[in-house]
Protein backbone atom coordinates (compact mmCIF):
# COMPACT_ATOMS: atom_id res chain seq x y z
CA MET A 1 5.19 -7.41 -2.69
CA THR A 2 4.51 -4.65 0.27
CA SER A 3 0.63 -3.89 1.26
CA TRP A 4 -0.91 -3.32 3.94
CA ASP A 5 -3.63 -4.15 6.36
CA LEU A 6 -6.63 -1.73 6.05
CA PRO A 7 -9.55 -2.59 8.82
CA LEU A 8 -12.80 -2.57 7.46
CA PRO A 9 -16.57 -3.24 8.65
CA ALA A 10 -17.75 -6.71 8.16
CA GLY A 11 -18.78 -6.90 4.87
CA GLN A 12 -16.71 -4.92 2.26
CA PRO A 13 -14.05 -5.93 0.10
CA PRO A 14 -11.59 -6.43 0.16
CA PRO A 15 -11.56 -9.04 3.33
CA GLN A 16 -7.86 -8.55 5.49
CA VAL A 17 -5.65 -11.24 6.84
CA ALA A 18 -4.01 -12.05 9.21
CA ASP A 19 -1.25 -13.56 7.28
CA HIS A 20 -0.70 -13.21 3.55
CA ARG A 21 2.21 -16.49 2.95
CA PRO A 22 -0.87 -18.99 2.88
CA LEU A 23 -2.26 -16.81 -0.42
CA VAL A 24 1.24 -16.84 -2.39
CA GLU A 25 2.25 -20.32 -1.37
CA PRO A 26 -0.48 -21.59 -4.37
CA ALA A 27 0.93 -20.15 -6.82
CA GLY A 28 4.03 -21.71 -6.51
CA LEU A 29 6.14 -19.09 -4.39
CA GLN A 30 7.99 -19.78 -1.44
CA VAL A 31 8.98 -17.18 0.92
CA SER A 32 11.99 -16.14 2.08
CA SER A 33 10.71 -12.97 4.03
CA TYR A 34 7.77 -11.81 5.27
CA GLU A 35 8.07 -9.03 7.59
CA ASP A 36 6.91 -5.20 8.95
CA SER A 37 7.96 -2.85 7.28
CA GLU A 38 9.71 -0.38 9.39
CA ASP A 39 8.73 3.45 9.65
CA TRP A 40 6.03 3.19 7.00
CA HIS A 41 3.42 5.65 8.38
CA THR A 42 6.08 8.51 9.17
CA ARG A 43 7.29 7.76 5.09
CA CYS A 44 3.99 7.57 4.00
CA VAL A 45 2.55 10.18 5.81
CA LEU A 46 5.51 12.91 4.14
CA PHE A 47 4.86 10.99 0.53
CA ALA A 48 1.55 11.73 0.48
CA ASP A 49 1.93 15.45 2.46
CA PHE A 50 4.71 15.66 -0.58
CA LEU A 51 1.78 15.18 -3.18
CA LEU A 52 -0.26 17.12 -1.75
CA GLU A 53 1.62 20.10 -1.60
CA HIS A 54 2.38 19.41 -5.58
CA ALA A 55 -1.09 18.58 -6.82
CA GLY A 56 -1.29 21.54 -8.96
CA ASP A 57 1.73 20.57 -11.09
CA LEU A 58 0.28 16.51 -11.35
CA ALA A 59 -2.86 17.67 -12.29
CA ARG A 60 -1.45 19.58 -15.38
CA GLU A 61 0.74 16.91 -16.24
CA ALA A 62 -2.41 14.67 -16.02
CA GLY A 63 -4.40 17.13 -17.61
CA ALA A 64 -6.86 16.65 -14.84
CA PRO A 65 -8.40 18.86 -12.18
CA VAL A 66 -6.78 20.10 -9.55
CA GLU A 67 -9.65 19.69 -6.96
CA GLY A 68 -10.13 15.97 -7.79
CA VAL A 69 -6.72 15.20 -7.75
CA ARG A 70 -6.00 16.87 -4.13
CA ALA A 71 -9.24 15.02 -3.08
CA GLY A 72 -8.10 11.73 -3.91
CA ILE A 73 -4.52 12.73 -2.29
CA SER A 74 -6.22 13.67 0.25
CA GLU A 75 -8.51 10.51 0.98
CA MET A 76 -5.37 8.57 0.21
CA ARG A 77 -4.02 10.62 3.14
CA ALA A 78 -6.27 9.64 5.92
CA THR A 79 -6.75 6.54 5.26
CA ILE A 80 -3.17 5.90 6.36
CA ASP A 81 -4.20 6.63 9.08
CA CYS A 82 -6.40 4.27 9.75
CA MET A 83 -3.59 1.36 8.35
CA PRO A 84 -2.29 -0.61 11.68
CA ARG A 85 0.35 -1.86 9.62
CA ARG A 86 2.62 -2.21 6.07
CA PHE A 87 4.42 -5.43 5.69
CA ILE A 88 6.96 -6.57 2.52
CA LEU A 89 6.85 -10.25 1.46
CA ILE A 90 9.86 -11.91 -0.85
CA ALA A 91 8.77 -14.99 -2.50
CA GLN A 92 10.33 -16.67 -5.48
CA ARG A 93 9.83 -19.66 -7.12
CA PRO A 94 12.21 -22.76 -6.49
CA GLY A 95 14.87 -23.46 -8.52
CA SER A 96 14.81 -19.66 -9.80
CA PRO A 97 17.93 -17.91 -9.47
CA ASP A 98 18.35 -15.21 -6.91
């Protein structure tokens, strides 16, 4: 899985955690790797900018108003700048094939 940390004011869900490993281990998964994703910010910004550039095509494909699609992508793009890190967690059930 991959996810990110997004600092939020106290009392707003979802709560952020410093280490996600304890959340998957009770599900019977064994963590084999847990690390920050390199250069994630640049890649996310480039992707969001690409989506904005093609918002009209996306809106037509989805049958949605282009203004709404563009607004959603713009909100996502603004959120990227608030994220302090993105991580990759790899886990599997013990005994399962690689």
